[in-house]
Protein backbone atom coordinates (compact mmCIF):
# COMPACT_ATOMS: atom_id res chain seq x y z
CA MET A 1 -86.14 -44.18 54.49
CA ASP A 2 -85.67 -46.57 51.58
CA TYR A 3 -88.67 -48.84 51.46
CA VAL A 4 -90.24 -51.35 49.14
CA SER A 5 -93.64 -50.09 48.02
CA ASN A 6 -95.32 -53.44 48.64
CA PHE A 7 -94.55 -53.06 52.37
CA SER A 8 -96.66 -49.89 52.31
CA THR A 9 -99.40 -51.62 50.33
CA GLN A 10 -99.40 -54.68 52.58
CA TYR A 11 -99.58 -52.57 55.73
CA LYS A 12 -102.50 -50.48 54.50
CA LYS A 13 -104.30 -53.71 53.63
CA PHE A 14 -103.44 -55.95 56.60
CA GLY A 15 -101.79 -53.68 59.21
CA THR A 16 -104.70 -53.84 61.67
CA PHE A 17 -104.30 -57.61 62.05
CA ASP A 18 -102.03 -58.52 64.98
CA ASN A 19 -100.80 -61.71 63.34
CA PHE A 20 -99.61 -59.77 60.28
CA ARG A 21 -96.99 -57.63 62.07
CA PRO A 22 -94.50 -60.46 62.83
CA THR A 23 -94.45 -61.41 59.15
CA LEU A 24 -93.94 -57.78 58.15
CA ILE A 25 -91.09 -57.37 60.68
CA LYS A 26 -89.31 -60.47 59.40
CA ASP A 27 -89.66 -59.41 55.75
CA ILE A 28 -88.35 -55.87 56.36
CA ILE A 29 -85.35 -57.00 58.40
CA GLU A 30 -84.55 -59.69 55.83
CA ALA A 31 -84.88 -57.25 52.90
CA ASN A 32 -82.46 -54.80 54.55
CA LYS A 33 -79.95 -57.33 55.90
CA VAL A 34 -77.29 -56.54 53.28
CA LYS A 35 -77.66 -52.77 53.64
CA ASP A 36 -77.51 -53.02 57.42
CA LYS A 37 -74.35 -55.09 57.24
CA GLU A 38 -72.78 -52.58 54.83
CA ALA A 39 -73.67 -49.67 57.14
CA GLN A 40 -72.15 -51.43 60.15
CA ALA A 41 -69.00 -52.21 58.15
CA LYS A 42 -68.74 -48.56 57.05
CA TRP A 43 -69.05 -47.35 60.65
CA ASN A 44 -66.28 -49.78 61.66
CA ARG A 45 -64.09 -48.42 58.85
CA TYR A 46 -64.71 -44.91 60.13
CA LEU A 47 -63.65 -46.07 63.62
CA GLN A 48 -60.72 -48.01 62.08
CA SER A 49 -61.77 -51.09 64.02
CA ILE A 50 -59.39 -54.04 63.84
CA GLY A 51 -59.87 -56.00 60.62
CA SER A 52 -62.31 -53.50 59.10
CA LEU A 53 -60.02 -51.86 56.51
CA GLU A 54 -58.71 -53.18 53.21
CA ILE A 55 -55.11 -52.72 54.39
CA ASP A 56 -55.79 -55.26 57.16
CA LYS A 57 -56.09 -57.88 54.41
CA LYS A 58 -52.59 -57.15 53.05
CA ILE A 59 -50.62 -60.40 52.80
CA ARG A 60 -46.89 -60.65 53.44
CA SER A 61 -44.78 -61.58 50.43
CA ILE A 62 -43.11 -64.98 50.58
CA HIS A 63 -39.81 -63.20 49.83
CA THR A 64 -39.78 -61.02 52.96
CA LYS A 65 -40.79 -61.00 56.60
CA ILE A 66 -41.87 -57.35 56.35
CA ASN A 67 -45.59 -56.59 56.10
CA ASN A 68 -46.49 -53.05 57.19
CA LYS A 69 -50.17 -52.10 57.41
CA LEU A 70 -50.30 -48.31 57.66
CA LYS A 71 -53.72 -46.77 58.33
CA HIS A 72 -54.27 -43.13 57.40
CA ASP A 73 -57.37 -41.74 59.07
CA PHE A 74 -58.76 -39.78 56.11
CA ARG A 75 -62.29 -41.01 56.93
CA GLY A 76 -62.08 -39.61 60.44
CA GLU A 77 -60.56 -36.34 59.24
CA ILE A 78 -63.23 -35.87 56.55
CA VAL A 79 -66.05 -36.53 59.04
CA SER A 80 -64.52 -34.27 61.70
CA THR A 81 -63.81 -31.41 59.26
CA GLN A 82 -67.20 -31.57 57.53
CA THR A 83 -69.14 -31.92 60.79
CA ASN A 84 -67.37 -29.12 62.64
CA TYR A 85 -67.65 -26.81 59.64
CA PHE A 86 -71.35 -27.59 59.32
CA ILE A 87 -72.35 -27.62 62.99
CA GLY A 88 -69.22 -26.72 64.98
CA ARG A 89 -71.31 -23.96 66.50
CA PRO A 90 -74.57 -25.25 68.04
CA ILE A 91 -77.77 -24.76 66.04
CA SER A 92 -79.76 -21.76 67.27
CA TYR A 93 -83.43 -22.60 67.78
CA ASN A 94 -85.22 -19.27 67.34
CA ILE A 95 -88.69 -19.01 68.85
CA ARG A 96 -90.87 -16.26 67.39
CA ASP A 97 -92.60 -14.67 70.38
CA ASP A 98 -95.58 -13.53 68.32
CA GLU A 99 -96.40 -17.12 67.29
CA ILE A 100 -95.41 -19.20 70.35
CA PRO A 101 -97.07 -18.47 73.75
CA GLU A 102 -94.96 -18.41 76.91
CA ARG A 103 -95.95 -21.88 78.16
CA GLN A 104 -95.14 -23.52 74.84
CA ARG A 105 -91.80 -21.68 74.66
CA LEU A 106 -90.94 -23.04 78.09
CA LEU A 107 -91.82 -26.60 77.06
CA PHE A 108 -89.55 -26.39 74.02
CA THR A 109 -86.58 -24.81 75.83
CA GLU A 110 -86.90 -27.45 78.57
CA PHE A 111 -86.83 -30.18 75.90
CA VAL A 112 -83.69 -28.64 74.35
CA ASP A 113 -81.91 -28.39 77.72
CA ARG A 114 -83.08 -31.72 79.12
CA ASN A 115 -81.94 -33.68 76.07
CA LYS A 116 -78.73 -31.62 75.66
CA LEU A 117 -79.75 -30.99 72.08
CA ALA A 118 -76.57 -29.08 71.15
CA SER A 119 -74.49 -32.20 71.84
CA GLN A 120 -77.06 -34.58 70.37
CA ASP A 121 -77.20 -32.54 67.14
CA GLN A 122 -73.40 -32.76 66.92
CA TYR A 123 -73.43 -36.53 67.45
CA LEU A 124 -76.20 -36.95 64.89
CA ALA A 125 -74.35 -34.83 62.32
CA LYS A 126 -71.25 -37.00 62.79
CA ARG A 127 -73.25 -40.17 62.09
CA LEU A 128 -74.81 -38.54 59.03
CA SER A 129 -71.39 -37.53 57.71
CA ALA A 130 -70.07 -41.07 58.09
CA LEU A 131 -73.14 -43.11 57.13
CA GLY A 132 -75.40 -40.75 55.18
CA LYS A 133 -78.49 -41.58 57.25
CA ALA A 134 -79.49 -41.77 60.91
CA GLY A 135 -82.60 -41.37 63.01
CA ARG A 136 -84.19 -40.26 66.26
CA LEU A 137 -86.69 -41.99 68.53
CA TYR A 138 -88.92 -39.86 70.77
CA TYR A 139 -90.59 -41.19 73.92
CA GLN A 140 -92.39 -40.11 77.09
CA LEU A 141 -90.96 -40.69 80.55
CA ASP A 142 -92.20 -39.11 83.80
CA LYS A 143 -94.54 -36.86 81.80
CA LYS A 144 -91.61 -35.40 79.87
CA LEU A 145 -90.45 -35.86 76.27
CA TRP A 146 -87.09 -37.45 75.57
CA MET A 147 -85.16 -38.53 72.48
CA VAL A 148 -82.34 -40.85 71.48
CA ASN A 149 -80.26 -40.96 68.30
CA LEU A 150 -80.38 -44.14 66.20
CA MET A 151 -77.97 -45.75 63.75
CA PRO A 152 -79.43 -46.46 60.27
CA TYR A 153 -79.07 -50.22 60.87
CA GLU A 154 -81.20 -49.95 64.04
CA PHE A 155 -84.46 -48.76 62.50
CA LYS A 156 -86.57 -48.76 59.35
CA ILE A 157 -89.40 -46.45 58.33
CA VAL A 158 -92.14 -47.30 55.84
CA LYS A 159 -93.95 -44.37 54.21
CA ASP A 160 -97.00 -44.00 52.04
CA GLU A 161 -95.66 -43.79 48.49
CA ILE A 162 -98.31 -41.20 47.58
CA THR A 163 -98.56 -38.87 50.60
CA ASN A 164 -95.03 -39.53 51.97
CA GLU A 165 -96.57 -39.85 55.45
CA THR A 166 -94.88 -42.33 57.78
CA LEU A 167 -97.14 -45.36 58.18
CA PHE A 168 -95.04 -47.25 60.71
CA ALA A 169 -91.48 -47.78 61.86
CA ILE A 170 -89.51 -50.53 63.55
CA ARG A 171 -86.53 -50.33 65.86
CA TYR A 172 -84.50 -53.51 66.28
CA TYR A 173 -81.33 -54.61 68.03
CA ASP A 174 -79.52 -57.74 69.18
CA VAL A 175 -79.70 -58.96 72.78
CA GLU A 176 -78.01 -61.89 74.51
CA THR A 177 -80.42 -64.29 76.18
CA SER A 178 -79.85 -66.17 79.41
CA ASP A 179 -78.74 -69.21 77.39
CA LYS A 180 -76.06 -67.07 75.63
CA LYS A 181 -77.92 -66.91 72.32
CA ILE A 182 -78.17 -63.73 70.26
CA ARG A 183 -81.71 -62.78 69.29
CA LYS A 184 -83.32 -59.64 67.93
CA GLN A 185 -85.81 -57.58 69.87
CA VAL A 186 -88.14 -55.34 67.89
CA GLU A 187 -90.29 -52.32 68.73
CA PHE A 188 -93.05 -51.73 66.18
CA TYR A 189 -94.47 -48.17 66.15
CA ASP A 190 -97.59 -46.92 64.42
CA ASN A 191 -99.17 -43.51 64.96
CA GLN A 192 -100.63 -44.49 68.33
CA PHE A 193 -99.22 -47.71 69.75
CA VAL A 194 -95.92 -49.55 70.19
CA TYR A 195 -95.81 -53.36 70.00
CA TYR A 196 -92.92 -55.47 71.31
CA TYR A 197 -91.55 -58.62 69.68
CA THR A 198 -88.67 -61.02 70.25
CA GLN A 199 -87.08 -63.32 67.68
CA SER A 200 -87.70 -67.03 68.13
CA ASP A 201 -84.83 -69.40 68.91
CA ASP A 202 -84.66 -70.67 65.34
CA GLY A 203 -84.66 -67.09 64.01
CA GLU A 204 -87.59 -67.81 61.72
CA ASN A 205 -90.37 -65.94 63.52
CA TYR A 206 -91.15 -63.09 65.92
CA TYR A 207 -93.55 -63.39 68.83
CA GLU A 208 -95.24 -60.79 71.03
CA ASP A 209 -93.17 -60.27 74.13
CA SER A 210 -93.75 -58.10 77.20
CA TYR A 211 -91.73 -60.08 79.72
CA ASN A 212 -88.29 -59.47 78.20
CA PHE A 213 -89.07 -55.76 77.89
CA ASN A 214 -90.04 -55.55 81.61
CA LEU A 215 -93.57 -54.42 80.74
CA PRO A 216 -96.92 -55.37 82.29
CA GLU A 217 -98.28 -58.49 80.59
CA THR A 218 -101.92 -58.21 81.64
CA ASN A 219 -104.52 -55.49 82.03
CA GLU A 220 -106.42 -54.84 85.25
CA ASP A 221 -109.17 -57.19 84.05
CA GLY A 222 -106.62 -59.96 83.50
CA SER A 223 -106.64 -59.79 79.70
CA LYS A 224 -103.33 -59.96 77.84
CA VAL A 225 -101.64 -56.68 76.90
CA THR A 226 -100.70 -56.64 73.22
CA GLN A 227 -100.13 -52.93 72.63
CA TYR A 228 -98.92 -49.90 74.57
CA LEU A 229 -99.62 -46.20 73.98
CA HIS A 230 -96.39 -44.42 73.06
CA GLY A 231 -97.75 -40.93 73.82
CA PHE A 232 -97.81 -39.36 70.34
CA THR A 233 -100.27 -39.23 67.46
CA LYS A 234 -97.50 -39.59 64.88
CA VAL A 235 -94.96 -42.37 64.44
CA PRO A 236 -92.23 -41.27 66.92
CA ILE A 237 -89.22 -42.16 64.77
CA VAL A 238 -87.77 -39.59 62.35
CA GLU A 239 -85.11 -40.13 59.72
CA PHE A 240 -82.34 -37.58 59.10
CA ARG A 241 -80.17 -37.50 55.98
CA ASN A 242 -76.75 -36.08 55.20
CA ASN A 243 -78.02 -34.99 51.78
CA GLU A 244 -80.82 -35.80 49.39
CA GLU A 245 -79.12 -39.01 48.28
CA GLY A 246 -78.42 -40.17 51.83
CA SER A 247 -74.71 -40.67 51.08
CA GLY A 248 -71.79 -40.19 53.48
CA ASP A 249 -69.00 -37.68 53.02
CA PHE A 250 -66.25 -40.23 52.34
CA ASP A 251 -68.28 -42.67 50.21
CA ARG A 252 -66.71 -41.56 46.91
CA VAL A 253 -63.10 -41.70 48.11
CA GLU A 254 -62.89 -45.01 49.96
CA THR A 255 -61.01 -46.71 47.14
CA LEU A 256 -58.55 -43.80 47.03
CA ILE A 257 -57.98 -44.04 50.78
CA ASP A 258 -57.38 -47.79 50.45
CA ALA A 259 -54.90 -47.16 47.62
CA TYR A 260 -53.07 -44.54 49.74
CA ASP A 261 -52.76 -47.02 52.63
CA ARG A 262 -51.59 -49.77 50.30
CA ILE A 263 -48.94 -47.69 48.50
CA ALA A 264 -47.61 -46.09 51.69
CA SER A 265 -47.40 -49.51 53.36
CA SER A 266 -45.64 -51.10 50.40
CA ASP A 267 -43.23 -48.14 50.22
CA LEU A 268 -42.26 -48.66 53.86
CA ASP A 269 -41.90 -52.38 53.17
CA ASP A 270 -39.41 -51.58 50.41
CA LEU A 271 -37.45 -49.15 52.58
CA GLU A 272 -37.16 -51.71 55.36
CA ASP A 273 -36.37 -54.38 52.80
CA ILE A 274 -33.35 -52.33 51.69
CA ARG A 275 -32.05 -52.43 55.25
CA ASP A 276 -32.35 -56.23 55.15
CA SER A 277 -30.96 -56.56 51.60
CA LEU A 278 -28.50 -59.28 50.68
CA LEU A 279 -24.79 -58.34 50.50
CA PHE A 280 -23.18 -59.63 47.31
CA LEU A 281 -19.42 -60.29 47.57
CA LYS A 282 -17.27 -60.92 44.49
CA ARG A 283 -13.86 -62.62 44.89
CA MET A 284 -14.16 -62.42 48.67
CA LYS A 285 -14.88 -65.06 51.28
CA LEU A 286 -15.48 -64.16 54.92
CA ASP A 287 -15.21 -66.44 57.91
CA PRO A 288 -17.61 -65.95 60.86
CA SER A 289 -15.22 -63.60 62.73
CA GLN A 290 -14.79 -61.42 59.64
CA MET A 291 -18.55 -61.30 59.14
CA GLN A 292 -19.00 -60.09 62.73
CA GLN A 293 -16.27 -57.49 62.15
CA LEU A 294 -18.17 -56.34 59.06
CA ARG A 295 -21.35 -55.89 61.11
CA ASP A 296 -19.50 -53.89 63.78
CA ALA A 297 -17.19 -51.73 61.65
CA LYS A 298 -19.40 -51.48 58.55
CA LEU A 299 -16.21 -51.85 56.52
CA ILE A 300 -14.65 -54.39 54.11
CA GLN A 301 -10.97 -54.27 53.14
CA THR A 302 -9.37 -56.22 50.28
CA MET A 303 -6.27 -55.98 48.10
CA ASP A 304 -7.91 -57.71 45.17
CA GLU A 305 -8.59 -55.11 42.47
CA LEU A 306 -11.24 -57.32 40.89
CA ALA A 307 -13.14 -57.79 44.13
CA ASP A 308 -16.52 -56.12 44.57
CA ALA A 309 -19.22 -55.74 47.24
CA ARG A 310 -22.74 -54.41 46.84
CA TYR A 311 -26.27 -54.86 48.13
CA ILE A 312 -28.91 -56.57 46.05
CA SER A 313 -32.06 -54.46 46.35
CA LYS A 314 -35.04 -53.21 44.37
CA ALA A 315 -34.69 -49.75 42.89
CA ILE A 316 -37.36 -47.31 44.09
CA GLY A 317 -38.48 -44.35 41.99
CA ASP A 318 -38.83 -41.75 44.75
CA THR A 319 -40.17 -38.98 42.50
CA ARG A 320 -42.83 -41.12 40.88
CA LEU A 321 -43.88 -42.54 44.24
CA ALA A 322 -44.15 -39.08 45.82
CA ASP A 323 -46.19 -37.83 42.86
CA THR A 324 -48.59 -40.76 43.18
CA ILE A 325 -49.01 -40.30 46.94
CA ASN A 326 -49.58 -36.54 46.59
CA ARG A 327 -52.03 -37.01 43.73
CA LEU A 328 -54.03 -39.52 45.76
CA LYS A 329 -54.10 -37.20 48.76
CA ASP A 330 -55.21 -34.22 46.67
CA ASN A 331 -57.97 -36.27 45.05
CA ILE A 332 -59.21 -37.56 48.41
CA TYR A 333 -59.75 -34.01 49.66
CA ARG A 334 -61.03 -32.67 46.33
CA ILE A 335 -63.58 -35.41 45.61
CA SER A 336 -64.85 -35.46 49.20
CA ARG A 337 -65.16 -31.65 49.00
CA THR A 338 -63.02 -31.25 52.12
CA VAL A 339 -60.28 -28.71 52.75
CA ASP A 340 -56.87 -29.92 53.90
CA PHE A 341 -56.22 -27.37 56.64
CA SER A 342 -52.60 -28.49 56.95
CA ASP A 343 -51.91 -27.53 53.31
CA GLU A 344 -49.75 -24.42 52.88
CA LYS A 345 -52.07 -23.39 50.06
CA PHE A 346 -54.75 -22.87 52.68
CA SER A 347 -53.03 -22.22 56.00
CA GLY A 348 -49.94 -20.37 54.76
CA ALA A 349 -49.21 -16.93 56.22
CA ALA A 350 -49.63 -15.36 52.78
CA GLN A 351 -53.25 -16.51 52.58
CA SER A 352 -55.91 -13.93 53.47
CA GLY A 353 -59.27 -14.69 55.04
CA GLU A 354 -61.01 -13.92 51.75
CA SER A 355 -58.76 -16.18 49.69
CA ARG A 356 -59.46 -18.99 52.15
CA LYS A 357 -63.19 -18.48 51.61
CA TYR A 358 -62.81 -19.23 47.91
CA LYS A 359 -60.99 -22.44 48.80
CA LEU A 360 -63.92 -23.30 51.10
CA LEU A 361 -66.45 -22.95 48.27
CA ALA A 362 -66.83 -26.72 47.75
CA MET A 363 -67.35 -27.25 51.47
CA ASP A 364 -69.86 -24.39 51.50
CA ASN A 365 -71.89 -26.06 48.76
CA ASN A 366 -71.76 -29.35 50.66
CA ARG A 367 -72.83 -27.54 53.82
CA LEU A 368 -75.90 -26.08 52.07
CA ASP A 369 -76.97 -29.61 51.15
CA LYS A 370 -76.49 -30.68 54.76
CA ILE A 371 -78.52 -27.75 56.10
CA ALA A 372 -81.46 -28.42 53.75
CA SER A 373 -81.56 -32.10 54.73
CA PHE A 374 -81.08 -31.45 58.47
CA GLU A 375 -83.84 -28.83 58.50
CA TYR A 376 -86.20 -31.34 56.88
CA GLY A 377 -85.52 -33.73 59.75
CA LEU A 378 -85.90 -31.00 62.38
CA ASP A 379 -89.29 -30.02 60.92
CA ALA A 380 -90.42 -33.65 61.15
CA GLN A 381 -89.07 -33.75 64.71
CA LEU A 382 -91.23 -30.79 65.73
CA GLU A 383 -94.31 -32.31 64.12
CA VAL A 384 -93.86 -35.36 66.37
CA LEU A 385 -93.08 -33.35 69.51
CA VAL A 386 -96.15 -31.10 69.28
CA THR A 387 -98.40 -34.17 69.32
CA GLY A 388 -96.66 -35.33 72.47
CA TRP A 389 -97.20 -32.00 74.22
CA ARG A 390 -100.82 -32.07 73.11
CA MET A 391 -101.25 -35.55 74.66
CA LEU A 392 -99.45 -34.58 77.88
CA HIS A 393 -100.73 -31.06 78.49
CA GLY A 394 -103.69 -30.58 76.15
CA ILE A 395 -102.11 -27.54 74.52
CA GLU A 396 -101.60 -26.61 70.88
CA PHE A 397 -98.18 -25.74 69.55
CA ASN A 398 -97.37 -24.15 66.20
CA PRO A 399 -94.27 -25.97 64.89
CA HIS A 400 -93.78 -23.29 62.25
CA GLY A 401 -93.09 -20.73 64.98
CA ILE A 402 -89.57 -22.11 65.43
CA SER A 403 -86.75 -21.54 62.97
CA TYR A 404 -83.16 -22.76 62.89
CA ASP A 405 -79.95 -20.80 62.45
CA PHE A 406 -76.85 -22.67 61.22
CA GLN A 407 -73.57 -20.72 61.50
CA ALA A 408 -70.50 -21.96 59.68
CA ASN A 409 -67.42 -22.46 61.83
CA ILE A 410 -64.99 -20.67 59.50
CA PRO A 411 -61.67 -18.86 60.04
CA ASN A 412 -61.85 -15.07 59.78
CA ASP A 413 -59.12 -12.57 58.95
CA GLU A 414 -59.98 -9.83 61.46
CA THR A 415 -57.35 -7.50 60.00
CA TYR A 416 -59.11 -7.67 56.64
CA TRP A 417 -62.48 -6.84 58.19
CA ALA A 418 -61.04 -3.96 60.26
CA GLU A 419 -59.46 -2.42 57.17
CA LEU A 420 -62.67 -2.86 55.18
CA ALA A 421 -64.73 -1.18 57.92
CA GLN A 422 -62.32 1.79 57.96
CA LYS A 423 -62.48 2.17 54.18
CA LEU A 424 -66.31 2.10 54.19
CA ASN A 425 -66.62 4.59 57.04
CA GLY A 426 -68.25 7.78 55.72
CA ILE A 427 -69.37 6.05 52.51
CA ILE A 428 -72.18 3.88 53.89
CA SER A 429 -74.06 3.94 57.22
CA LYS A 430 -72.64 2.42 60.41
CA ARG A 431 -75.46 -0.12 60.45
CA SER A 432 -74.55 -1.32 56.94
CA ILE A 433 -70.89 -1.61 57.92
CA ILE A 434 -71.71 -3.67 61.01
CA ASP A 435 -74.12 -5.85 59.01
CA ILE A 436 -71.23 -6.80 56.70
CA LEU A 437 -68.99 -7.96 59.57
CA PRO A 438 -69.04 -11.71 60.36
CA SER A 439 -70.81 -12.96 63.49
CA SER A 440 -67.46 -13.89 65.08
CA ILE A 441 -66.79 -10.14 65.35
CA VAL A 442 -70.33 -8.77 65.86
CA GLU A 443 -73.19 -11.12 66.75
CA ASN A 444 -76.03 -8.58 66.91
CA THR A 445 -76.09 -5.32 64.94
CA ASP A 446 -78.71 -3.61 67.12
CA GLU A 447 -76.87 -4.40 70.34
CA GLU A 448 -73.57 -3.23 68.85
CA LEU A 449 -75.08 0.10 67.71
CA LYS A 450 -76.56 0.54 71.18
CA ARG A 451 -73.15 -0.04 72.79
CA ILE A 452 -71.54 2.45 70.40
CA GLU A 453 -74.19 5.03 71.30
CA GLU A 454 -73.70 4.40 75.03
CA GLU A 455 -69.92 4.79 74.69
CA GLN A 456 -70.38 8.06 72.82
CA ASP A 457 -72.78 9.33 75.52
CA ASP A 458 -70.30 8.36 78.25
CA TYR A 459 -67.49 10.11 76.40
CA LEU A 460 -69.50 13.31 75.93
CA SER A 461 -70.61 13.29 79.57
CA SER A 462 -67.00 12.91 80.69
CA LEU A 463 -65.91 15.67 78.33
CA TYR A 464 -68.60 18.07 79.60
CA ARG A 465 -67.63 17.37 83.22
CA THR A 466 -64.00 18.15 82.41
CA ILE A 467 -64.97 21.46 80.77
CA ASP A 468 -67.20 22.41 83.72
CA ASN A 469 -64.44 21.65 86.21
CA ASP A 470 -61.96 23.77 84.23
CA SER A 471 -64.36 26.72 84.09
CA GLN A 472 -65.00 26.60 87.85
CA GLU A 473 -61.33 26.73 88.90
CA PRO A 474 -60.44 30.12 90.52
CA GLN A 475 -58.39 32.48 88.35
CA ALA A 476 -54.94 33.43 89.64
CA THR A 477 -54.67 37.07 90.89
CA ASN A 478 -51.69 39.35 90.61
């Protein structure tokens, strides 16, 4: 997470003092106030919340009553396309049997199932695509490990600037008090304890608070509880990033999206303005009944050769406008490294599966960045979880015994692959041919070869039975 180095220095110097934490909490939240507000605003733009987009600020001209505010959901389409391409198929968590004993394997698979990790990974990837950063909090409940995804404006992590180890983290959120005031509640995590704080009424300080968190306030001996074991020996909050920079997938094209909305809205304004244009009459004067007849019949008759009638309207350059709109749209997809699947250049019948792959090259490169960053977060996740299992069950767990398999959700031209397999038959081995085929056709080479062998055995057995039956039939006698 982004952090100011003096926070790390201050914590290492004063972090053991209880009265230092409230000051540290206040300083961190204050230092990140602008970034948090920007992240919340970006999430609202992704959701297209009312008043969140630039087009919502469009002001009606004093010369017309028309003021269209068209919203084109490029942000949502970019996030959906990038996320589903990256993680449309659930991540496979592969446990190496030779490195992970049976009991540990069971603990991990139970954690995956209990937390519905396939769905949680998808939700996390969506937040990363939109915001660039997100996090996860891990906790113990009923002697089991659980997790929850966090927005980037809900937590902050401070790391040692030398070792890159997480020193502490805070999670914070707004709550409404009984007197209808909004105050922040904060959870402060180090590598052993969690401390709870609530913002004072004036917003200037934070005080230790167990009551509002529904936690025991005193120990058995009557002394005040100031800290609670969180069940891990590492700080149980992990940051995930969309890429090394921590940027979202539509960050670089927001101004282009705003321009597209603005131009399309103004274009519709002009079209509707033509419908409401003024009718200019030369050498003609209509009374109210004639004006009504004009509205109904859409016709004006006159014997005056010098008379004239025409609408006063603004000329619109359709070609130039269309070129501008198309250029903006192309740049939105190109700069965000996203494929427009509705484009004939991609989805047309003449396009083969292989040609589509070349058009997906930019998304592939983006996906590789996503995988590297997501794996970094998953490794940190395992390092936290193994300490929790050690605390709960007293067992060791090798986090390096688990690997991750990310499969791209890409369209495949099965006709192309079938023809390729036929052409390679007799030139290279069957195993090599099957290895080339995408996972959407063959998931496991060994299993597929075994099925082929079984089918051949069944065919030969059937053939031998047929031959035996033919040889045992009695011969006709004259």
